[in-house]
Protein backbone atom coordinates (compact mmCIF):
# COMPACT_ATOMS: atom_id res chain seq x y z
CA UNK A 1 -105.82 9.01 -42.49
CA UNK A 2 -104.68 9.67 -38.89
CA UNK A 3 -102.93 12.85 -39.76
CA UNK A 4 -106.09 14.19 -41.30
CA UNK A 5 -108.07 13.19 -38.22
CA UNK A 6 -105.53 15.02 -36.10
CA UNK A 7 -106.05 18.25 -38.00
CA UNK A 8 -109.93 18.20 -37.66
CA UNK A 9 -111.64 20.82 -35.54
CA UNK A 10 -115.13 21.10 -34.35
CA UNK A 11 -116.55 24.23 -32.80
CA UNK A 12 -118.75 23.84 -29.76
CA UNK A 13 -117.79 21.23 -27.20
CA UNK A 14 -120.29 18.35 -26.65
CA UNK A 15 -120.86 16.73 -23.24
CA UNK A 16 -118.65 13.87 -24.30
CA UNK A 17 -115.90 16.39 -25.23
CA UNK A 18 -116.26 18.13 -21.92
CA UNK A 19 -115.96 14.79 -20.18
CA UNK A 20 -112.82 14.05 -22.17
CA UNK A 21 -111.45 17.50 -21.14
CA UNK A 22 -111.87 16.61 -17.43
CA UNK A 23 -110.21 13.26 -17.97
CA UNK A 24 -107.39 14.91 -19.90
CA UNK A 25 -106.77 17.45 -17.21
CA UNK A 26 -106.71 14.70 -14.62
CA UNK A 27 -104.22 12.81 -16.83
CA UNK A 28 -102.00 15.87 -17.04
CA UNK A 29 -102.18 16.68 -13.31
CA UNK A 30 -101.46 13.02 -12.40
CA UNK A 31 -98.51 12.96 -14.79
CA UNK A 32 -97.27 16.25 -13.37
CA UNK A 33 -97.61 15.24 -9.75
CA UNK A 34 -96.26 11.71 -10.35
CA UNK A 35 -93.45 13.26 -12.38
CA UNK A 36 -92.26 15.79 -9.90
CA UNK A 37 -93.47 14.49 -6.61
CA UNK A 38 -93.31 10.88 -5.45
CA UNK A 39 -91.19 9.26 -2.78
CA UNK A 40 -88.03 9.98 -4.75
CA UNK A 41 -89.06 13.54 -5.53
CA UNK A 42 -89.86 14.35 -1.90
CA UNK A 43 -86.67 12.84 -0.48
CA UNK A 44 -84.33 14.45 -3.06
CA UNK A 45 -86.05 17.80 -3.01
CA UNK A 46 -86.08 18.13 0.80
CA UNK A 47 -82.44 16.79 0.89
CA UNK A 48 -81.40 19.28 -1.67
CA UNK A 49 -82.86 22.12 0.26
CA UNK A 50 -81.39 20.89 3.51
CA UNK A 51 -77.90 20.66 2.10
CA UNK A 52 -77.70 23.37 -0.58
CA UNK A 53 -80.59 25.66 0.56
CA UNK A 54 -81.73 27.39 -2.68
CA UNK A 55 -78.72 26.54 -4.85
CA UNK A 56 -80.55 23.80 -6.70
CA UNK A 57 -83.81 25.66 -7.31
CA UNK A 58 -83.01 26.22 -10.93
CA UNK A 59 -83.24 22.52 -11.62
CA UNK A 60 -87.04 22.73 -10.94
CA UNK A 61 -87.32 25.30 -13.68
CA UNK A 62 -85.29 23.14 -16.04
CA UNK A 63 -87.40 20.20 -15.16
CA UNK A 64 -90.59 22.23 -15.78
CA UNK A 65 -89.50 23.23 -19.25
CA UNK A 66 -88.19 19.74 -20.18
CA UNK A 67 -91.19 17.88 -18.81
CA UNK A 68 -93.73 20.22 -20.51
CA UNK A 69 -92.00 20.17 -23.90
CA UNK A 70 -91.63 16.39 -24.07
CA UNK A 71 -95.06 15.71 -22.61
CA UNK A 72 -96.61 17.89 -25.29
CA UNK A 73 -94.59 16.16 -27.96
CA UNK A 74 -95.62 12.70 -26.75
CA UNK A 75 -99.30 13.72 -26.64
CA UNK A 76 -99.05 15.27 -30.15
CA UNK A 77 -97.30 12.09 -31.55
CA UNK A 78 -100.22 10.02 -30.07
CA UNK A 79 -102.78 12.28 -31.67
CA UNK A 80 -101.09 12.58 -35.04
CA UNK A 81 -100.19 8.91 -35.54
CA UNK A 82 -103.19 7.41 -33.69
CA UNK A 83 -100.69 4.86 -32.32
CA UNK A 84 -99.08 4.42 -28.90
CA UNK A 85 -95.41 5.46 -28.45
CA UNK A 86 -93.69 2.08 -28.56
CA UNK A 87 -95.66 0.91 -31.56
CA UNK A 88 -94.52 4.00 -33.49
CA UNK A 89 -90.89 3.61 -32.19
CA UNK A 90 -90.77 0.00 -33.17
CA UNK A 91 -92.16 0.81 -36.61
CA UNK A 92 -89.83 3.78 -37.11
CA UNK A 93 -86.61 2.30 -35.75
CA UNK A 94 -87.08 -1.38 -36.26
CA UNK A 95 -87.42 -4.10 -33.61
CA UNK A 96 -83.73 -4.13 -32.48
CA UNK A 97 -83.24 -0.38 -32.00
CA UNK A 98 -86.72 -0.08 -30.75
CA UNK A 99 -85.97 -2.52 -28.02
CA UNK A 100 -83.22 -0.39 -26.54
CA UNK A 101 -85.45 2.37 -25.05
CA UNK A 102 -88.03 -0.29 -23.96
CA UNK A 103 -85.43 -2.33 -22.00
CA UNK A 104 -83.86 0.73 -20.47
CA UNK A 105 -87.27 2.15 -19.42
CA UNK A 106 -88.55 -1.13 -17.94
CA UNK A 107 -85.47 -1.50 -15.77
CA UNK A 108 -85.89 2.07 -14.48
CA UNK A 109 -89.68 1.56 -14.11
CA UNK A 110 -89.07 -1.42 -11.78
CA UNK A 111 -86.41 0.42 -9.76
CA UNK A 112 -88.57 3.50 -9.31
CA UNK A 113 -91.57 1.32 -8.50
CA UNK A 114 -89.47 -0.18 -5.74
CA UNK A 115 -88.78 3.30 -4.41
CA UNK A 116 -92.44 4.31 -4.45
CA UNK A 117 -93.66 0.95 -3.01
CA UNK A 118 -91.25 1.41 -0.08
CA UNK A 119 -92.47 4.95 0.26
CA UNK A 120 -96.01 3.68 0.71
CA UNK A 121 -94.71 1.18 3.30
CA UNK A 122 -92.71 3.87 5.22
CA UNK A 123 -95.68 6.22 5.23
CA UNK A 124 -97.92 3.49 6.59
CA UNK A 125 -95.30 2.67 9.25
CA UNK A 126 -95.35 6.25 10.53
CA UNK A 127 -99.14 6.25 10.53
CA UNK A 128 -99.58 2.93 12.29
CA UNK A 129 -96.35 2.11 14.09
CA UNK A 130 -96.09 -1.28 12.30
CA UNK A 131 -92.70 -1.92 10.61
CA UNK A 132 -92.44 -0.95 6.97
CA UNK A 133 -91.34 -4.45 5.81
CA UNK A 134 -94.81 -5.71 6.92
CA UNK A 135 -96.43 -3.06 4.73
CA UNK A 136 -94.38 -3.80 1.54
CA UNK A 137 -96.30 -7.00 0.64
CA UNK A 138 -99.61 -5.43 1.84
CA UNK A 139 -99.01 -2.44 -0.40
CA UNK A 140 -97.99 -4.59 -3.32
CA UNK A 141 -101.10 -6.75 -3.04
CA UNK A 142 -103.39 -3.74 -2.62
CA UNK A 143 -101.81 -2.00 -5.75
CA UNK A 144 -102.20 -5.13 -7.80
CA UNK A 145 -105.82 -5.62 -6.82
CA UNK A 146 -106.74 -1.94 -7.50
CA UNK A 147 -105.12 -1.94 -10.89
CA UNK A 148 -106.71 -5.32 -11.83
CA UNK A 149 -110.17 -4.41 -10.75
CA UNK A 150 -110.65 -0.62 -11.51
CA UNK A 151 -110.66 0.99 -15.01
CA UNK A 152 -108.36 3.74 -16.23
CA UNK A 153 -110.55 6.75 -15.44
CA UNK A 154 -111.16 5.71 -11.82
CA UNK A 155 -107.52 4.88 -11.18
CA UNK A 156 -105.96 8.04 -12.66
CA UNK A 157 -108.53 10.54 -11.38
CA UNK A 158 -108.57 9.16 -7.85
CA UNK A 159 -104.74 9.19 -7.66
CA UNK A 160 -104.53 12.71 -9.09
CA UNK A 161 -107.01 14.06 -6.46
CA UNK A 162 -105.17 12.25 -3.60
CA UNK A 163 -101.96 13.90 -4.60
CA UNK A 164 -103.41 17.34 -3.78
CA UNK A 165 -102.61 16.62 -0.10
CA UNK A 166 -99.07 17.62 -0.72
CA UNK A 167 -100.32 21.24 -0.85
CA UNK A 168 -99.43 21.21 2.89
CA UNK A 169 -95.81 21.98 1.81
CA UNK A 170 -96.88 25.06 -0.08
CA UNK A 171 -98.58 26.27 3.14
CA UNK A 172 -95.52 25.29 5.09
CA UNK A 173 -93.14 27.38 3.08
CA UNK A 174 -95.43 30.40 3.38
CA UNK A 175 -95.77 29.88 7.09
CA UNK A 176 -92.00 29.57 7.53
CA UNK A 177 -91.48 32.86 5.83
CA UNK A 178 -89.12 32.24 2.96
CA UNK A 179 -86.67 34.79 1.63
CA UNK A 180 -88.27 35.33 -1.79
CA UNK A 181 -85.46 37.44 -2.98
CA UNK A 182 -82.84 34.81 -2.31
CA UNK A 183 -84.93 32.16 -3.98
CA UNK A 184 -85.37 34.42 -7.11
CA UNK A 185 -81.62 35.14 -7.17
CA UNK A 186 -80.69 31.51 -6.98
CA UNK A 187 -82.54 30.88 -10.26
CA UNK A 188 -80.04 32.90 -12.15
CA UNK A 189 -76.99 32.82 -9.85
CA UNK A 190 -76.92 29.73 -7.62
CA UNK A 191 -74.39 30.03 -4.79
CA UNK A 192 -72.99 26.79 -3.24
CA UNK A 193 -71.17 26.81 0.08
CA UNK A 194 -67.41 26.10 -0.13
CA UNK A 195 -67.74 23.09 2.12
CA UNK A 196 -69.50 21.02 -0.54
CA UNK A 197 -67.72 19.52 -3.45
CA UNK A 198 -68.61 20.00 -7.07
CA UNK A 199 -69.27 16.24 -7.34
CA UNK A 200 -71.77 16.46 -4.49
CA UNK A 201 -73.57 19.37 -6.18
CA UNK A 202 -73.70 17.78 -9.66
CA UNK A 203 -74.78 14.46 -8.32
CA UNK A 204 -77.64 16.42 -6.65
CA UNK A 205 -78.41 17.93 -10.04
CA UNK A 206 -78.63 14.48 -11.59
CA UNK A 207 -80.75 13.01 -8.84
CA UNK A 208 -83.22 15.96 -8.86
CA UNK A 209 -83.66 16.00 -12.63
CA UNK A 210 -84.11 12.20 -12.51
CA UNK A 211 -86.81 12.60 -9.90
CA UNK A 212 -88.59 15.31 -11.99
CA UNK A 213 -88.42 13.60 -15.34
CA UNK A 214 -88.39 9.87 -14.93
CA UNK A 215 -89.14 8.17 -18.24
CA UNK A 216 -92.45 6.49 -17.18
CA UNK A 217 -94.43 9.74 -17.12
CA UNK A 218 -94.16 10.18 -20.93
CA UNK A 219 -95.12 6.62 -21.73
CA UNK A 220 -98.10 7.00 -19.33
CA UNK A 221 -99.15 10.33 -20.78
CA UNK A 222 -99.05 9.27 -24.46
CA UNK A 223 -100.68 5.88 -23.80
CA UNK A 224 -103.39 7.62 -21.78
CA UNK A 225 -104.06 10.01 -24.69
CA UNK A 226 -104.58 7.08 -27.06
CA UNK A 227 -106.73 5.20 -24.54
CA UNK A 228 -108.89 8.27 -23.89
CA UNK A 229 -109.36 8.70 -27.67
CA UNK A 230 -107.74 12.12 -28.14
CA UNK A 231 -108.18 13.49 -31.66
CA UNK A 232 -107.26 16.65 -33.55
CA UNK A 233 -109.82 18.48 -31.37
CA UNK A 234 -107.49 17.84 -28.39
CA UNK A 235 -104.31 19.43 -29.75
CA UNK A 236 -104.92 22.64 -27.91
CA UNK A 237 -106.02 20.75 -24.83
CA UNK A 238 -102.79 18.69 -25.00
CA UNK A 239 -100.71 21.81 -24.78
CA UNK A 240 -102.71 23.17 -21.90
CA UNK A 241 -102.76 19.89 -20.03
CA UNK A 242 -98.96 19.39 -20.49
CA UNK A 243 -98.20 22.89 -19.17
CA UNK A 244 -100.87 22.95 -16.32
CA UNK A 245 -100.04 19.48 -15.04
CA UNK A 246 -96.26 20.11 -15.18
CA UNK A 247 -96.57 23.56 -13.57
CA UNK A 248 -98.64 22.06 -10.78
CA UNK A 249 -96.07 19.47 -10.03
CA UNK A 250 -93.22 22.01 -10.30
CA UNK A 251 -94.84 24.39 -7.81
CA UNK A 252 -95.28 21.66 -5.33
CA UNK A 253 -91.67 20.45 -5.80
CA UNK A 254 -90.35 24.04 -5.43
CA UNK A 255 -92.31 24.33 -2.20
CA UNK A 256 -90.92 21.05 -0.85
CA UNK A 257 -87.29 21.97 -1.74
CA UNK A 258 -87.40 25.53 -0.41
CA UNK A 259 -89.25 24.42 2.72
CA UNK A 260 -86.41 21.97 3.27
CA UNK A 261 -83.91 24.85 2.75
CA UNK A 262 -85.76 27.17 5.20
CA UNK A 263 -86.34 24.53 7.98
CA UNK A 264 -83.12 22.37 7.69
CA UNK A 265 -80.38 24.51 6.21
CA UNK A 266 -77.50 24.71 7.16
CA UNK A 267 -77.10 20.97 6.87
CA UNK A 268 -77.44 19.53 10.43
CA UNK A 269 -78.41 16.00 9.72
CA UNK A 270 -79.10 13.82 6.71
CA UNK A 271 -82.63 13.53 5.32
CA UNK A 272 -82.50 9.83 5.96
CA UNK A 273 -86.16 9.15 6.63
CA UNK A 274 -89.67 10.22 5.77
CA UNK A 275 -89.79 11.70 9.24
CA UNK A 276 -86.79 13.86 8.57
CA UNK A 277 -88.24 14.91 5.20
CA UNK A 278 -91.42 16.01 7.04
CA UNK A 279 -89.60 18.39 9.36
CA UNK A 280 -90.63 21.54 7.42
CA UNK A 281 -94.36 20.68 7.86
CA UNK A 282 -93.68 19.78 11.48
CA UNK A 283 -91.88 23.14 12.08
CA UNK A 284 -94.76 25.02 10.48
CA UNK A 285 -97.82 23.20 11.84
CA UNK A 286 -96.65 20.76 14.48
CA UNK A 287 -97.77 17.18 14.62
CA UNK A 288 -100.85 17.86 12.54
CA UNK A 289 -98.73 19.24 9.77
CA UNK A 290 -96.50 16.22 9.97
CA UNK A 291 -99.38 13.74 9.62
CA UNK A 292 -100.82 15.61 6.67
CA UNK A 293 -97.35 15.47 5.08
CA UNK A 294 -97.12 11.71 5.64
CA UNK A 295 -100.58 11.32 4.10
CA UNK A 296 -99.36 13.29 1.16
CA UNK A 297 -96.29 11.19 0.68
CA UNK A 298 -98.60 8.08 0.74
CA UNK A 299 -100.87 9.66 -1.82
CA UNK A 300 -98.25 10.75 -4.33
CA UNK A 301 -96.41 7.42 -3.88
CA UNK A 302 -99.62 5.56 -4.79
CA UNK A 303 -100.14 7.85 -7.74
CA UNK A 304 -96.58 7.20 -9.00
CA UNK A 305 -97.03 3.48 -8.52
CA UNK A 306 -100.14 3.58 -10.71
CA UNK A 307 -98.23 5.44 -13.43
CA UNK A 308 -95.29 3.17 -13.26
CA UNK A 309 -97.27 -0.04 -13.46
CA UNK A 310 -99.43 1.18 -16.29
CA UNK A 311 -96.41 2.65 -18.20
CA UNK A 312 -94.53 -0.63 -17.88
CA UNK A 313 -97.51 -2.57 -19.15
CA UNK A 314 -98.13 -0.09 -21.94
CA UNK A 315 -94.59 -0.19 -23.20
CA UNK A 316 -94.12 -3.93 -23.30
CA UNK A 317 -97.62 -4.66 -24.69
CA UNK A 318 -97.30 -1.90 -27.35
CA UNK A 319 -93.87 -3.15 -28.51
CA UNK A 320 -95.03 -6.69 -28.93
CA UNK A 321 -98.46 -5.82 -30.42
CA UNK A 322 -100.50 -7.20 -27.47
CA UNK A 323 -103.83 -5.86 -26.47
CA UNK A 324 -103.45 -3.19 -23.73
CA UNK A 325 -105.43 -0.66 -21.76
CA UNK A 326 -107.33 -0.12 -18.58
CA UNK A 327 -110.62 1.06 -20.00
CA UNK A 328 -111.93 -2.53 -20.14
CA UNK A 329 -111.81 -5.69 -17.98
CA UNK A 330 -108.45 -7.26 -17.30
CA UNK A 331 -109.36 -10.37 -19.32
CA UNK A 332 -109.43 -8.22 -22.48
CA UNK A 333 -105.71 -7.48 -22.17
CA UNK A 334 -104.16 -10.33 -20.13
CA UNK A 335 -100.59 -9.86 -21.05
CA UNK A 336 -100.67 -6.18 -20.36
CA UNK A 337 -101.90 -6.95 -16.85
CA UNK A 338 -99.43 -9.75 -16.34
CA UNK A 339 -96.54 -7.37 -17.17
CA UNK A 340 -97.38 -4.82 -14.42
CA UNK A 341 -98.16 -7.58 -11.93
CA UNK A 342 -94.71 -9.00 -12.57
CA UNK A 343 -93.18 -5.51 -12.01
CA UNK A 344 -95.01 -5.24 -8.69
CA UNK A 345 -93.59 -8.61 -7.58
CA UNK A 346 -89.98 -7.74 -8.56
CA UNK A 347 -90.22 -4.30 -6.91
CA UNK A 348 -91.53 -5.90 -3.72
CA UNK A 349 -88.69 -8.46 -3.70
CA UNK A 350 -86.09 -5.58 -4.03
CA UNK A 351 -87.64 -3.82 -1.04
CA UNK A 352 -87.76 -6.95 1.10
CA UNK A 353 -84.06 -7.56 0.62
CA UNK A 354 -83.50 -4.79 3.22
CA UNK A 355 -81.78 -2.19 0.97
CA UNK A 356 -81.40 1.21 2.52
CA UNK A 357 -84.51 2.97 1.30
CA UNK A 358 -83.18 6.51 1.28
CA UNK A 359 -79.84 5.87 -0.44
CA UNK A 360 -81.58 3.50 -2.87
CA UNK A 361 -83.99 6.38 -3.68
CA UNK A 362 -81.30 8.86 -4.48
CA UNK A 363 -79.28 6.40 -6.58
CA UNK A 364 -82.41 5.34 -8.48
CA UNK A 365 -83.28 8.98 -9.27
CA UNK A 366 -79.86 9.56 -10.75
CA UNK A 367 -80.21 6.41 -12.88
CA UNK A 368 -83.57 7.62 -14.03
CA UNK A 369 -81.97 10.82 -15.36
CA UNK A 370 -79.29 8.70 -17.09
CA UNK A 371 -82.07 6.74 -18.85
CA UNK A 372 -83.98 9.78 -20.23
CA UNK A 373 -82.05 10.12 -23.55
CA UNK A 374 -83.00 6.54 -24.46
CA UNK A 375 -86.61 7.71 -24.41
CA UNK A 376 -86.28 11.27 -25.82
CA UNK A 377 -84.06 10.62 -28.83
CA UNK A 378 -86.56 8.10 -30.42
CA UNK A 379 -89.42 10.40 -29.44
CA UNK A 380 -87.77 13.35 -31.22
CA UNK A 381 -87.07 11.28 -34.34
CA UNK A 382 -90.69 10.24 -34.54
CA UNK A 383 -91.90 13.78 -33.88
CA UNK A 384 -89.96 15.07 -36.83
CA UNK A 385 -91.03 12.24 -39.14
CA UNK A 386 -93.41 13.46 -41.85
CA UNK A 387 -94.66 9.88 -42.40
CA UNK A 388 -96.19 9.77 -38.99
CA UNK A 389 -96.69 13.46 -38.13
CA UNK A 390 -97.53 15.26 -41.42
CA UNK A 391 -97.91 18.91 -40.76
CA UNK A 392 -98.05 18.22 -37.01
CA UNK A 393 -94.33 17.46 -36.79
CA UNK A 394 -92.22 19.53 -34.43
CA UNK A 395 -91.88 23.26 -35.36
CA UNK A 396 -88.33 24.70 -35.09
CA UNK A 397 -88.75 26.44 -31.77
CA UNK A 398 -89.82 23.18 -30.15
CA UNK A 399 -86.87 21.32 -31.66
CA UNK A 400 -84.52 23.99 -30.32
CA UNK A 401 -85.78 23.78 -26.75
CA UNK A 402 -86.04 20.01 -26.89
CA UNK A 403 -82.52 19.84 -28.33
CA UNK A 404 -81.08 21.93 -25.49
CA UNK A 405 -82.90 19.90 -22.82
CA UNK A 406 -81.70 16.68 -24.53
CA UNK A 407 -78.11 17.92 -24.67
CA UNK A 408 -78.14 18.51 -20.86
CA UNK A 409 -79.62 15.11 -20.29
CA UNK A 410 -76.92 13.42 -22.40
CA UNK A 411 -74.26 15.18 -20.30
CA UNK A 412 -76.03 13.91 -17.16
CA UNK A 413 -76.06 10.39 -18.68
CA UNK A 414 -72.35 10.47 -19.29
CA UNK A 415 -71.61 11.89 -15.78
CA UNK A 416 -73.91 9.80 -13.62
CA UNK A 417 -71.79 6.67 -13.17
CA UNK A 418 -68.60 8.55 -12.42
CA UNK A 419 -70.50 10.69 -9.92
CA UNK A 420 -71.96 7.62 -8.29
CA UNK A 421 -68.52 6.33 -7.70
CA UNK A 422 -67.13 9.61 -6.47
CA UNK A 423 -69.97 10.42 -4.09
CA UNK A 424 -70.87 6.99 -2.96
CA UNK A 425 -74.45 7.56 -3.97
CA UNK A 426 -75.00 10.56 -1.72
CA UNK A 427 -75.20 14.23 -2.16
């Protein structure tokens, strides 16, 4: 029985287990980086720092807690049930109710994919001088070919390592000399200048949390756990990976936000381009710093695109019972691959319509936050179901923390559309 398998434990790690541990850590780091830092994460974090300085720093801590808790739950559900998320949700809730989180998530996946695909194009424009609309189809084709040809391990590990280039923003905030006391104080007592409205501030909260905790990361994480063959031996590793990967992404995001606050506050001009978002790195290290920042944006956007495409394919294939996975050739799971290829085509079409990339990014991040309860409510129901989880179901402390996080996310869901109307999609 899968629950019994989930409770097994063997002592000394074998070479295969050590290899799985490295893959698991890469999975967690990629989920953490892709979760917190992609095109949307960079733009919203720098913009938040530029406009509100340190007053939104607390959202990173909230995102860290929420991401880590739900990533650990999704990994534990995969281990305990031996089934991917949407297969469990469809079984637990039935086809009709189970379709609600799937539809909501696929829509958000495509919108966020459009954001990150245009992030790749904008970064390449800055590096080459060629207009970003030329790079959109090039990036889409390159992404499709990479995902079609390479297996899961190569794709996720390479993307995780590439995302490390965003460490330039950690160096930038140190070089700029942050006021650590003010940053620490803002975590418990955020202070907002009187010239900003409450609607602006709370729309910023929604956009930031949406950029930290977009739904695709949890689909990607749990499906990756199943595909990598996690068992009961991996329960402790699941907790470590969820916390380490999330903390890594949160630290990078905190550096990006506070670097924006140090270099750009008080608000002098909008963060309306990748170039503007890279101003902190430019201020700290000149043109070299800016180039490294742009390469970092390119890397984390590619990593996020990988997660988004695989997550969308995972969700749809799991729900309908199709073969899925990136460990084998594409011909072994044709519908899975067709789904994410279709997502890439739709995302590229959205970008080629000429939408304002920066405003589209902020609005999409807010919509991502609004969609989170559609993922987390079914996940919590499954995680507390003894039929699937046995003795591995959620303990009370986890349910308390998850319940608080979910309550905040429900409030954000209810407030997002009114805030969009009031603020015009800006903060």
